[in-house]
Amino acid sequence: MSIRALVVEDDPMLAAAHRELVGRVPGFEVVGVAHSGGEALRFLAARPVDLILLDIYLPDMTGLDLCRTLRARGRTTDVIAVTSARDL
């Protein structure tokens, strides 16, 4: 059984790179890519995911806001923040 991963990244080039890299790891499968928090929430409502690779700066909300929304909805999906953000 593979770990189903969702890449949430607004930059198309970075999203493609994350998808490719995760796809190379044995036991992992990228099941989707979302380019905004809203798109990610819609995807997660429709499909099961084990892991989210999450950018912090998205066009419609922050990655932290997305995490808070997921937790408030009872979703306990694992999240790894993958970002080029330099501020705290």
C-alpha atoms as a PDB file:
ATOM      1  CA  MET A   1       0.000   0.000   0.000  1.00  0.00           C
ATOM      2  CA  SER A   2       1.348   3.406  -0.972  1.00  0.00           C
ATOM      3  CA  ILE A   3       1.284   6.598   1.064  1.00  0.00           C
ATOM      4  CA  ARG A   4      -1.051   8.896  -0.849  1.00  0.00           C
ATOM      5  CA  ALA A   5       0.381  12.418  -1.038  1.00  0.00           C
ATOM      6  CA  LEU A   6      -1.185  15.719  -2.048  1.00  0.00           C
ATOM      7  CA  VAL A   7       1.123  18.526  -3.167  1.00  0.00           C
ATOM      8  CA  VAL A   8      -0.230  21.991  -2.304  1.00  0.00           C
ATOM      9  CA  GLU A   9       1.932  24.578  -4.065  1.00  0.00           C
ATOM     10  CA  ASP A  10       0.891  27.664  -6.058  1.00  0.00           C
ATOM     11  CA  ASP A  11       4.036  27.823  -8.202  1.00  0.00           C
ATOM     12  CA  PRO A  12       3.504  25.398 -11.121  1.00  0.00           C
ATOM     13  CA  MET A  13       7.216  24.666 -11.555  1.00  0.00           C
ATOM     14  CA  LEU A  14       7.719  23.887  -7.865  1.00  0.00           C
ATOM     15  CA  ALA A  15       4.535  21.811  -7.784  1.00  0.00           C
ATOM     16  CA  ALA A  16       5.801  19.749 -10.729  1.00  0.00           C
ATOM     17  CA  ALA A  17       9.204  19.313  -9.054  1.00  0.00           C
ATOM     18  CA  HIS A  18       7.620  18.182  -5.773  1.00  0.00           C
ATOM     19  CA  ARG A  19       5.350  15.791  -7.660  1.00  0.00           C
ATOM     20  CA  GLU A  20       8.285  14.278  -9.519  1.00  0.00           C
ATOM     21  CA  LEU A  21      10.496  13.935  -6.444  1.00  0.00           C
ATOM     22  CA  VAL A  22       7.787  12.365  -4.271  1.00  0.00           C
ATOM     23  CA  GLY A  23       6.849  10.050  -7.144  1.00  0.00           C
ATOM     24  CA  ARG A  24      10.397   8.674  -7.147  1.00  0.00           C
ATOM     25  CA  VAL A  25      10.237   7.603  -3.497  1.00  0.00           C
ATOM     26  CA  PRO A  26       9.251   3.948  -3.129  1.00  0.00           C
ATOM     27  CA  GLY A  27       6.006   3.582  -1.211  1.00  0.00           C
ATOM     28  CA  PHE A  28       4.724   7.074  -2.054  1.00  0.00           C
ATOM     29  CA  GLU A  29       2.171   8.069  -4.666  1.00  0.00           C
ATOM     30  CA  VAL A  30       1.173  11.631  -5.567  1.00  0.00           C
ATOM     31  CA  VAL A  31      -2.601  11.510  -5.949  1.00  0.00           C
ATOM     32  CA  GLY A  32      -3.040  15.191  -6.732  1.00  0.00           C
ATOM     33  CA  VAL A  33      -1.696  18.713  -6.921  1.00  0.00           C
ATOM     34  CA  ALA A  34      -3.583  21.764  -5.651  1.00  0.00           C
ATOM     35  CA  HIS A  35      -2.520  25.342  -6.383  1.00  0.00           C
ATOM     36  CA  SER A  36      -4.565  27.058  -3.654  1.00  0.00           C
ATOM     37  CA  GLY A  37      -5.991  26.358  -0.224  1.00  0.00           C
ATOM     38  CA  GLY A  38      -9.532  26.219  -1.578  1.00  0.00           C
ATOM     39  CA  GLU A  39      -8.530  23.747  -4.268  1.00  0.00           C
ATOM     40  CA  ALA A  40      -6.807  21.623  -1.619  1.00  0.00           C
ATOM     41  CA  LEU A  41      -9.905  21.637   0.613  1.00  0.00           C
ATOM     42  CA  ARG A  42     -12.109  20.547  -2.306  1.00  0.00           C
ATOM     43  CA  PHE A  43      -9.667  17.791  -3.236  1.00  0.00           C
ATOM     44  CA  LEU A  44      -9.453  16.545   0.353  1.00  0.00           C
ATOM     45  CA  ALA A  45     -13.253  16.459   0.653  1.00  0.00           C
ATOM     46  CA  ALA A  46     -13.397  14.121  -2.342  1.00  0.00           C
ATOM     47  CA  ARG A  47     -10.338  11.853  -1.957  1.00  0.00           C
ATOM     48  CA  PRO A  48      -8.415  10.219   0.867  1.00  0.00           C
ATOM     49  CA  VAL A  49      -4.877  11.485   1.433  1.00  0.00           C
ATOM     50  CA  ASP A  50      -2.245  10.303   3.916  1.00  0.00           C
ATOM     51  CA  LEU A  51       0.241  13.178   3.567  1.00  0.00           C
ATOM     52  CA  ILE A  52       0.118  16.814   2.465  1.00  0.00           C
ATOM     53  CA  LEU A  53       3.230  18.597   1.209  1.00  0.00           C
ATOM     54  CA  LEU A  54       2.224  22.150   1.931  1.00  0.00           C
ATOM     55  CA  ASP A  55       3.492  25.547   0.862  1.00  0.00           C
ATOM     56  CA  ILE A  56       3.036  28.273   3.464  1.00  0.00           C
ATOM     57  CA  TYR A  57       2.138  31.117   1.077  1.00  0.00           C
ATOM     58  CA  LEU A  58      -0.891  30.333  -1.077  1.00  0.00           C
ATOM     59  CA  PRO A  59      -2.939  32.842  -3.085  1.00  0.00           C
ATOM     60  CA  ASP A  60      -6.129  32.528  -1.023  1.00  0.00           C
ATOM     61  CA  MET A  61      -4.916  31.586   2.479  1.00  0.00           C
ATOM     62  CA  THR A  62      -1.748  30.597   4.280  1.00  0.00           C
ATOM     63  CA  GLY A  63      -0.703  27.000   4.694  1.00  0.00           C
ATOM     64  CA  LEU A  64      -1.159  27.461   8.440  1.00  0.00           C
ATOM     65  CA  ASP A  65      -4.757  28.565   7.857  1.00  0.00           C
ATOM     66  CA  LEU A  66      -5.298  25.478   5.737  1.00  0.00           C
ATOM     67  CA  CYS A  67      -3.919  23.289   8.538  1.00  0.00           C
ATOM     68  CA  ARG A  68      -6.177  24.985  11.090  1.00  0.00           C
ATOM     69  CA  THR A  69      -9.204  24.456   8.846  1.00  0.00           C
ATOM     70  CA  LEU A  70      -8.379  20.789   8.382  1.00  0.00           C
ATOM     71  CA  ARG A  71      -7.915  20.233  12.113  1.00  0.00           C
ATOM     72  CA  ALA A  72     -11.160  22.086  12.888  1.00  0.00           C
ATOM     73  CA  ARG A  73     -12.897  19.670  10.500  1.00  0.00           C
ATOM     74  CA  GLY A  74     -11.401  16.709  12.330  1.00  0.00           C
ATOM     75  CA  ARG A  75      -8.849  15.832   9.641  1.00  0.00           C
ATOM     76  CA  THR A  76      -5.634  14.446  11.098  1.00  0.00           C
ATOM     77  CA  THR A  77      -3.740  14.055   7.831  1.00  0.00           C
ATOM     78  CA  ASP A  78       0.026  14.375   8.265  1.00  0.00           C
ATOM     79  CA  VAL A  79       1.481  17.631   6.907  1.00  0.00           C
ATOM     80  CA  ILE A  80       5.002  18.557   5.867  1.00  0.00           C
ATOM     81  CA  ALA A  81       5.586  22.245   5.201  1.00  0.00           C
ATOM     82  CA  VAL A  82       7.732  22.691   2.095  1.00  0.00           C
ATOM     83  CA  THR A  83       8.350  26.377   1.584  1.00  0.00           C
ATOM     84  CA  SER A  84      10.894  28.941   0.555  1.00  0.00           C
ATOM     85  CA  ALA A  85       9.495  31.375   3.147  1.00  0.00           C
ATOM     86  CA  ARG A  86      12.276  32.961   5.159  1.00  0.00           C
ATOM     87  CA  ASP A  87      10.241  34.777   7.781  1.00  0.00           C
ATOM     88  CA  LEU A  88       8.920  33.214  10.947  1.00  0.00           C
END
